Amino acid sequence: MGLTSRKEKILQAIVDGYIENCQPVSSAEIRDRHLPALSTATIRNEMAALEEMGYLTQPHTSSGRVPTAEAYRLYVEKLMPRRKLSRSELKIVKRYFNRKVTEIDDMLKSTAKVISEITNLTSVAYVQNADDATVTNIRIVRISNSTALIIIVTDLGVLKDTTVDIGSGITDEYCDRASRIITDIFGGHTISEINKPKALVKQVRKEYEQLFKTIIRIFKSYSHEELQSDIILEGSAKILEQPEYANLQKAKAMLEFLDAKDELIPVLQNSDNMDISIRIGKDNEIRDGMPECAIVTTSYTINGVTVGNAGVIGPIRMDYSKVVSVLDYLSKTVQMLPAGDGSSAMSEESDDNKPDEE
């Protein structure tokens, strides 16, 4: 038994209705809102067939139907309507990106905040591939007589800035000299090369040793072994606002999953080479006892290099059309960010990103 056009329309109506209200969808509701030309008896027959095919379940004999994970998979592959961001949603994006975004971490934090605010779901982001970034400049700037600011610039933009306590009596001349010497040592090397620093250590004069060690620690924080500590979660409490997690045990399992950062990275990676990865239900199971959820992610690139992934984690009854639209738009926005400066990225809208009217 194949999926006819009529079955697809009924299934789409049920998924859309359940996403909207989290209540079983009845044949009368489908007829009244979507397919007035069909009788409720015909719709019930088609719903029974869809249930046999594994796309629907019926919580109670007298209730309507609820979509299964398989129904959501078909929905996102074939039936999901495409939408554009509304004017109010675009304003949220502009609020975060019409300002200077200097660090890769800053960009991903802003992305995660936007995703969570627009979708009202828990968002997640992490730096994925800074190993191939090439250092172009390292600036040491005196802040006080004992502290300095280290600014690391790569071909992807500013990787990190951090303060370091060097000791009393540092001068601007010392910082300028240190900047030149350390840039000569690290400049032109990728982060993966710098994280094997034996040959570089020999070039460091003792007076700059503390600066050198601090910079090495920064670079090591971008290695794959340390990535789990840099996972960004926004809106974790929003999980508790979803009806699916009203059950205390389900909520506890979900929060424990979010807290286990070492388990998040495998399910966040876009291993299927798709622009947007959508993993529903059992697609996310990397161990027994995983909470039922959906994870939608996309990768973010700067200067043609993928620097991280970001997306949402939530119930399988999420508004996939909205989530996909937000992730797609943000991915294009980040691509337009000039390295080290996000001030002009949002000045113009391309035709395909013009918002829907509210």
Protein backbone atom coordinates (compact mmCIF):
# COMPACT_ATOMS: atom_id res chain seq x y z
CA MET A 1 0.00 0.00 0.00
CA GLY A 2 1.62 3.25 -1.15
CA LEU A 3 1.25 6.81 0.02
CA THR A 4 -1.29 8.49 -2.23
CA SER A 5 -1.54 12.25 -2.57
CA ARG A 6 -4.63 12.19 -0.33
CA LYS A 7 -2.84 10.24 2.39
CA GLU A 8 0.06 12.71 2.24
CA LYS A 9 -2.31 15.67 2.65
CA ILE A 10 -3.99 14.02 5.63
CA LEU A 11 -0.64 13.13 7.19
CA GLN A 12 0.66 16.68 6.70
CA ALA A 13 -2.51 18.07 8.32
CA ILE A 14 -2.06 15.77 11.33
CA VAL A 15 1.62 16.64 11.78
CA ASP A 16 0.94 20.38 11.45
CA GLY A 17 -1.99 20.16 13.87
CA TYR A 18 -0.07 18.16 16.44
CA ILE A 19 2.95 20.49 16.24
CA GLU A 20 0.62 23.42 16.88
CA ASN A 21 -1.47 22.04 19.74
CA CYS A 22 0.15 18.84 21.06
CA GLN A 23 -3.30 17.21 20.98
CA PRO A 24 -4.48 14.18 18.95
CA VAL A 25 -5.94 15.31 15.62
CA SER A 26 -9.46 14.12 14.70
CA SER A 27 -11.00 13.43 11.30
CA ALA A 28 -13.51 16.26 11.87
CA GLU A 29 -10.67 18.72 12.49
CA ILE A 30 -8.93 17.67 9.27
CA ARG A 31 -12.13 18.05 7.28
CA ASP A 32 -13.01 21.43 8.78
CA ARG A 33 -9.57 22.98 8.51
CA HIS A 34 -7.94 21.31 5.53
CA LEU A 35 -10.05 18.95 3.38
CA PRO A 36 -13.71 20.07 3.34
CA ALA A 37 -14.43 18.05 0.19
CA LEU A 38 -13.86 14.76 2.03
CA SER A 39 -16.23 13.09 4.48
CA THR A 40 -15.07 12.28 7.99
CA ALA A 41 -15.62 8.58 7.23
CA THR A 42 -13.21 8.74 4.27
CA ILE A 43 -10.64 10.59 6.38
CA ARG A 44 -10.97 8.02 9.18
CA ASN A 45 -10.36 5.19 6.71
CA GLU A 46 -7.23 6.91 5.42
CA MET A 47 -6.04 7.55 8.98
CA ALA A 48 -6.50 3.86 9.80
CA ALA A 49 -4.41 2.98 6.75
CA LEU A 50 -1.69 5.43 7.79
CA GLU A 51 -1.71 3.85 11.24
CA GLU A 52 -1.16 0.41 9.70
CA MET A 53 1.75 1.86 7.71
CA GLY A 54 3.40 3.06 10.92
CA TYR A 55 2.88 6.79 10.47
CA LEU A 56 0.18 7.33 13.14
CA THR A 57 -0.80 6.08 16.55
CA GLN A 58 -4.08 6.38 18.45
CA PRO A 59 -3.59 7.05 22.19
CA HIS A 60 -7.20 6.00 22.98
CA THR A 61 -9.86 4.25 20.94
CA SER A 62 -12.09 7.33 20.89
CA SER A 63 -9.31 9.89 20.32
CA GLY A 64 -7.72 11.31 17.21
CA ARG A 65 -4.31 10.33 15.86
CA VAL A 66 -0.78 11.33 16.79
CA PRO A 67 2.18 11.23 14.36
CA THR A 68 5.03 8.78 14.94
CA ALA A 69 8.74 9.52 14.53
CA GLU A 70 8.44 7.92 11.07
CA ALA A 71 5.74 10.44 10.17
CA TYR A 72 8.01 13.32 11.18
CA ARG A 73 10.83 11.90 9.06
CA LEU A 74 8.57 11.78 6.01
CA TYR A 75 7.26 15.24 6.85
CA VAL A 76 10.70 16.88 6.85
CA GLU A 77 11.80 14.98 3.75
CA LYS A 78 8.74 15.64 1.58
CA LEU A 79 5.77 17.44 3.15
CA MET A 80 7.17 20.28 5.24
CA PRO A 81 6.25 23.76 3.96
CA ARG A 82 9.13 26.22 3.52
CA ARG A 83 8.82 29.60 5.15
CA LYS A 84 10.78 32.83 5.51
CA LEU A 85 11.58 34.69 8.67
CA SER A 86 9.07 37.31 9.77
CA ARG A 87 10.05 40.94 10.26
CA SER A 88 10.09 40.53 14.04
CA GLU A 89 12.38 37.48 13.73
CA LEU A 90 14.72 39.38 11.42
CA LYS A 91 14.92 42.16 14.00
CA ILE A 92 16.12 39.62 16.57
CA VAL A 93 18.87 38.47 14.17
CA LYS A 94 19.93 42.05 13.48
CA ARG A 95 20.04 42.85 17.20
CA TYR A 96 22.77 40.25 17.68
CA PHE A 97 24.70 40.62 14.44
CA ASN A 98 24.55 44.36 13.73
CA ARG A 99 27.43 44.82 16.13
CA LYS A 100 31.07 43.87 16.21
CA VAL A 101 31.52 40.10 16.34
CA THR A 102 35.25 39.59 16.73
CA GLU A 103 35.74 36.06 18.04
CA ILE A 104 34.64 32.72 16.65
CA ASP A 105 33.25 31.93 20.10
CA ASP A 106 31.32 35.21 20.10
CA MET A 107 29.80 34.39 16.73
CA LEU A 108 28.63 30.97 17.87
CA LYS A 109 27.30 32.31 21.19
CA SER A 110 25.30 34.96 19.32
CA THR A 111 24.04 32.31 16.91
CA ALA A 112 22.90 30.05 19.76
CA LYS A 113 21.12 32.95 21.50
CA VAL A 114 19.27 33.91 18.30
CA ILE A 115 18.23 30.32 17.60
CA SER A 116 16.85 29.82 21.11
CA GLU A 117 15.06 33.18 21.18
CA ILE A 118 13.29 32.71 17.84
CA THR A 119 12.46 29.00 18.12
CA ASN A 120 11.78 29.00 21.89
CA LEU A 121 13.80 25.77 22.08
CA THR A 122 17.11 24.81 23.65
CA SER A 123 19.95 25.66 21.28
CA VAL A 124 23.47 24.27 21.17
CA ALA A 125 26.68 25.32 19.41
CA TYR A 126 30.33 24.37 19.46
CA VAL A 127 33.56 25.20 17.68
CA GLN A 128 34.18 22.31 15.32
CA ASN A 129 37.25 22.88 13.23
CA ALA A 130 39.75 25.50 14.28
CA ASP A 131 42.69 23.12 13.79
CA ASP A 132 43.29 24.37 10.25
CA ALA A 133 43.10 28.07 11.12
CA THR A 134 46.39 29.82 10.39
CA VAL A 135 47.75 32.40 12.81
CA THR A 136 48.35 35.76 11.13
CA ASN A 137 49.06 38.04 14.08
CA ILE A 138 49.35 38.03 17.87
CA ARG A 139 49.05 41.36 19.68
CA ILE A 140 50.11 41.95 23.28
CA VAL A 141 48.53 45.13 24.66
CA ARG A 142 49.44 46.55 28.09
CA ILE A 143 46.41 47.11 30.34
CA SER A 144 48.21 47.96 33.58
CA ASN A 145 51.69 47.68 35.07
CA SER A 146 51.18 43.96 35.59
CA THR A 147 48.52 42.77 33.10
CA ALA A 148 48.29 42.58 29.32
CA LEU A 149 45.66 41.63 26.76
CA ILE A 150 46.56 38.88 24.29
CA ILE A 151 44.71 39.06 20.96
CA ILE A 152 45.14 36.09 18.61
CA VAL A 153 44.18 36.75 14.98
CA THR A 154 43.84 33.97 12.39
CA ASP A 155 42.75 33.82 8.78
CA LEU A 156 39.24 33.17 10.17
CA GLY A 157 39.27 36.36 12.25
CA VAL A 158 39.99 36.85 15.94
CA LEU A 159 40.27 33.44 17.59
CA LYS A 160 40.47 34.64 21.19
CA ASP A 161 41.40 37.54 23.41
CA THR A 162 42.33 37.06 27.02
CA THR A 163 44.15 38.87 29.81
CA VAL A 164 47.29 37.58 31.48
CA ASP A 165 49.11 38.64 34.67
CA ILE A 166 52.76 38.99 33.69
CA GLY A 167 54.20 40.68 36.75
CA SER A 168 55.00 44.23 37.78
CA GLY A 169 56.76 46.79 35.66
CA ILE A 170 55.70 45.80 32.12
CA THR A 171 55.91 48.58 29.56
CA ASP A 172 54.41 49.35 26.15
CA GLU A 173 57.85 48.71 24.63
CA TYR A 174 57.95 45.24 26.22
CA CYS A 175 54.48 44.43 24.80
CA ASP A 176 55.41 45.68 21.33
CA ARG A 177 58.60 43.60 21.33
CA ALA A 178 56.71 40.55 22.61
CA SER A 179 54.07 40.98 19.89
CA ARG A 180 56.70 40.96 17.14
CA ILE A 181 58.69 38.06 18.52
CA ILE A 182 55.69 35.83 19.30
CA THR A 183 54.02 36.61 15.97
CA ASP A 184 57.27 35.59 14.25
CA ILE A 185 57.17 32.29 16.15
CA PHE A 186 53.50 31.43 15.66
CA GLY A 187 52.69 33.31 12.45
CA GLY A 188 52.02 31.13 9.43
CA HIS A 189 51.43 28.03 11.55
CA THR A 190 48.07 26.28 11.90
CA ILE A 191 46.60 25.56 15.33
CA SER A 192 47.21 21.83 14.87
CA GLU A 193 50.92 22.56 14.23
CA ILE A 194 51.13 24.88 17.25
CA ASN A 195 49.62 22.19 19.48
CA LYS A 196 52.81 20.20 18.84
CA PRO A 197 55.08 23.01 20.00
CA LYS A 198 58.44 21.29 20.69
CA ALA A 199 60.23 23.02 17.82
CA LEU A 200 58.62 26.36 18.68
CA VAL A 201 59.56 26.26 22.38
CA LYS A 202 63.26 26.56 21.56
CA GLN A 203 62.66 29.94 19.93
CA VAL A 204 61.12 31.55 23.04
CA ARG A 205 63.24 33.83 25.16
CA LYS A 206 62.81 33.43 28.93
CA GLU A 207 61.27 36.89 29.40
CA TYR A 208 58.34 35.89 27.15
CA GLU A 209 57.90 32.37 28.51
CA GLN A 210 54.74 33.14 30.52
CA LEU A 211 53.09 34.77 27.51
CA PHE A 212 54.04 31.78 25.40
CA LYS A 213 52.54 29.29 27.87
CA THR A 214 49.30 31.28 28.07
CA ILE A 215 48.98 31.36 24.27
CA ILE A 216 49.66 27.61 24.05
CA ARG A 217 46.86 26.99 26.59
CA ILE A 218 44.48 29.02 24.42
CA PHE A 219 45.36 27.03 21.32
CA LYS A 220 44.97 23.73 23.20
CA SER A 221 41.44 24.77 24.23
CA TYR A 222 40.55 24.60 20.52
CA SER A 223 41.81 21.04 20.10
CA HIS A 224 39.25 18.28 19.55
CA GLU A 225 40.02 16.79 22.98
CA GLU A 226 38.88 20.01 24.70
CA LEU A 227 35.87 20.83 22.55
CA GLN A 228 33.29 19.40 24.95
CA SER A 229 34.14 22.07 27.52
CA ASP A 230 33.31 24.76 24.96
CA ILE A 231 29.83 23.54 24.03
CA ILE A 232 27.40 26.43 24.27
CA LEU A 233 23.86 25.76 25.51
CA GLU A 234 21.20 28.44 25.47
CA GLY A 235 17.69 28.12 26.89
CA SER A 236 18.16 24.80 28.67
CA ALA A 237 15.17 25.55 30.90
CA LYS A 238 12.95 25.84 27.81
CA ILE A 239 12.94 22.05 27.68
CA LEU A 240 10.72 22.13 30.77
CA GLU A 241 8.16 24.30 28.95
CA GLN A 242 7.43 21.53 26.45
CA PRO A 243 4.42 19.29 27.26
CA GLU A 244 6.43 16.19 26.35
CA TYR A 245 8.69 16.77 29.34
CA ALA A 246 6.00 17.45 31.92
CA ASN A 247 6.78 13.93 33.18
CA LEU A 248 9.50 14.29 35.82
CA GLN A 249 11.47 11.23 34.68
CA LYS A 250 11.49 12.37 31.02
CA ALA A 251 12.56 15.89 32.02
CA LYS A 252 15.35 14.50 34.24
CA ALA A 253 16.63 12.25 31.44
CA MET A 254 16.66 15.15 28.98
CA LEU A 255 18.47 17.53 31.34
CA GLU A 256 21.06 14.84 32.14
CA PHE A 257 21.61 14.35 28.40
CA LEU A 258 22.20 18.08 27.92
CA ASP A 259 24.61 18.09 30.85
CA ALA A 260 26.65 15.18 29.44
CA LYS A 261 28.60 17.28 26.97
CA ASP A 262 30.80 14.40 25.83
CA GLU A 263 27.65 12.74 24.44
CA LEU A 264 26.46 15.82 22.58
CA ILE A 265 29.27 16.18 20.04
CA PRO A 266 28.60 12.90 18.11
CA VAL A 267 24.91 13.73 17.59
CA LEU A 268 25.61 17.36 16.68
CA GLN A 269 28.00 16.64 13.83
CA ASN A 270 26.62 16.77 10.28
CA SER A 271 28.01 13.41 9.24
CA ASP A 272 25.67 12.98 6.28
CA ASN A 273 27.10 15.98 4.34
CA MET A 274 23.68 17.64 4.26
CA ASP A 275 23.30 21.39 4.61
CA ILE A 276 20.95 20.83 7.54
CA SER A 277 20.98 17.62 9.56
CA ILE A 278 17.65 16.50 11.06
CA ARG A 279 17.81 13.54 13.44
CA ILE A 280 14.56 12.32 14.94
CA GLY A 281 13.95 9.82 17.73
CA LYS A 282 16.10 6.70 17.36
CA ASP A 283 18.42 8.53 14.91
CA ASN A 284 20.00 10.07 18.03
CA GLU A 285 20.47 6.89 20.06
CA ILE A 286 24.13 6.50 20.91
CA ARG A 287 23.42 4.54 24.11
CA ASP A 288 20.57 2.82 25.90
CA GLY A 289 18.26 5.12 27.80
CA MET A 290 18.67 8.12 25.52
CA PRO A 291 15.70 10.49 25.86
CA GLU A 292 13.39 10.70 22.86
CA CYS A 293 14.14 13.97 21.09
CA ALA A 294 14.93 15.64 17.79
CA ILE A 295 18.19 17.40 16.97
CA VAL A 296 18.45 19.79 14.03
CA THR A 297 21.85 21.32 13.23
CA THR A 298 23.75 23.07 10.49
CA SER A 299 27.39 24.05 10.03
CA TYR A 300 28.72 27.59 9.98
CA THR A 301 31.56 28.76 7.76
CA ILE A 302 33.87 31.76 7.71
CA ASN A 303 36.05 32.43 4.66
CA GLY A 304 34.96 29.06 3.26
CA VAL A 305 36.13 27.10 6.33
CA THR A 306 33.65 25.29 8.59
CA VAL A 307 34.24 26.60 12.11
CA GLY A 308 31.36 25.11 14.06
CA ASN A 309 27.89 23.64 14.27
CA ALA A 310 24.75 25.04 15.87
CA GLY A 311 21.13 24.01 16.11
CA VAL A 312 18.33 22.96 18.44
CA ILE A 313 17.50 20.06 20.73
CA GLY A 314 13.88 19.48 21.63
CA PRO A 315 10.83 17.25 21.38
CA ILE A 316 10.19 15.43 18.12
CA ARG A 317 7.02 17.55 17.97
CA MET A 318 8.97 20.69 17.07
CA ASP A 319 8.15 23.22 14.37
CA TYR A 320 10.65 21.89 11.82
CA SER A 321 9.70 24.43 9.16
CA LYS A 322 10.52 27.32 11.49
CA VAL A 323 13.69 25.70 12.84
CA VAL A 324 15.06 24.93 9.37
CA SER A 325 14.30 28.47 8.18
CA VAL A 326 16.11 30.00 11.16
CA LEU A 327 19.19 27.78 10.81
CA ASP A 328 19.40 28.31 7.07
CA TYR A 329 19.13 32.10 7.37
CA LEU A 330 21.70 32.30 10.17
CA SER A 331 24.14 30.13 8.24
CA LYS A 332 23.95 32.57 5.32
CA THR A 333 24.27 35.54 7.69
CA VAL A 334 27.45 34.15 9.28
CA GLN A 335 28.96 33.50 5.85
CA MET A 336 28.58 37.23 5.09
CA LEU A 337 30.31 38.34 8.28
CA PRO A 338 33.64 40.04 7.47
CA ALA A 339 36.46 38.43 9.43
CA GLY A 340 36.59 40.13 12.80
CA ASP A 341 33.72 42.54 12.13
CA GLY A 342 29.99 41.88 11.87
CA SER A 343 28.99 45.51 11.55
CA SER A 344 27.98 45.46 7.88
CA ALA A 345 26.71 41.92 7.40
CA MET A 346 23.05 42.75 7.94
CA SER A 347 22.82 45.98 5.97
CA GLU A 348 21.03 44.51 2.96
CA GLU A 349 18.54 41.70 2.43
CA SER A 350 18.82 39.47 -0.62
CA ASP A 351 15.60 38.69 -2.47
CA ASP A 352 15.43 35.10 -1.21
CA ASN A 353 15.71 36.24 2.43
CA LYS A 354 13.04 38.92 2.39
CA PRO A 355 10.69 38.18 5.28
CA ASP A 356 7.10 37.04 5.21
CA GLU A 357 4.63 39.73 6.16
CA GLU A 358 3.14 39.35 9.61
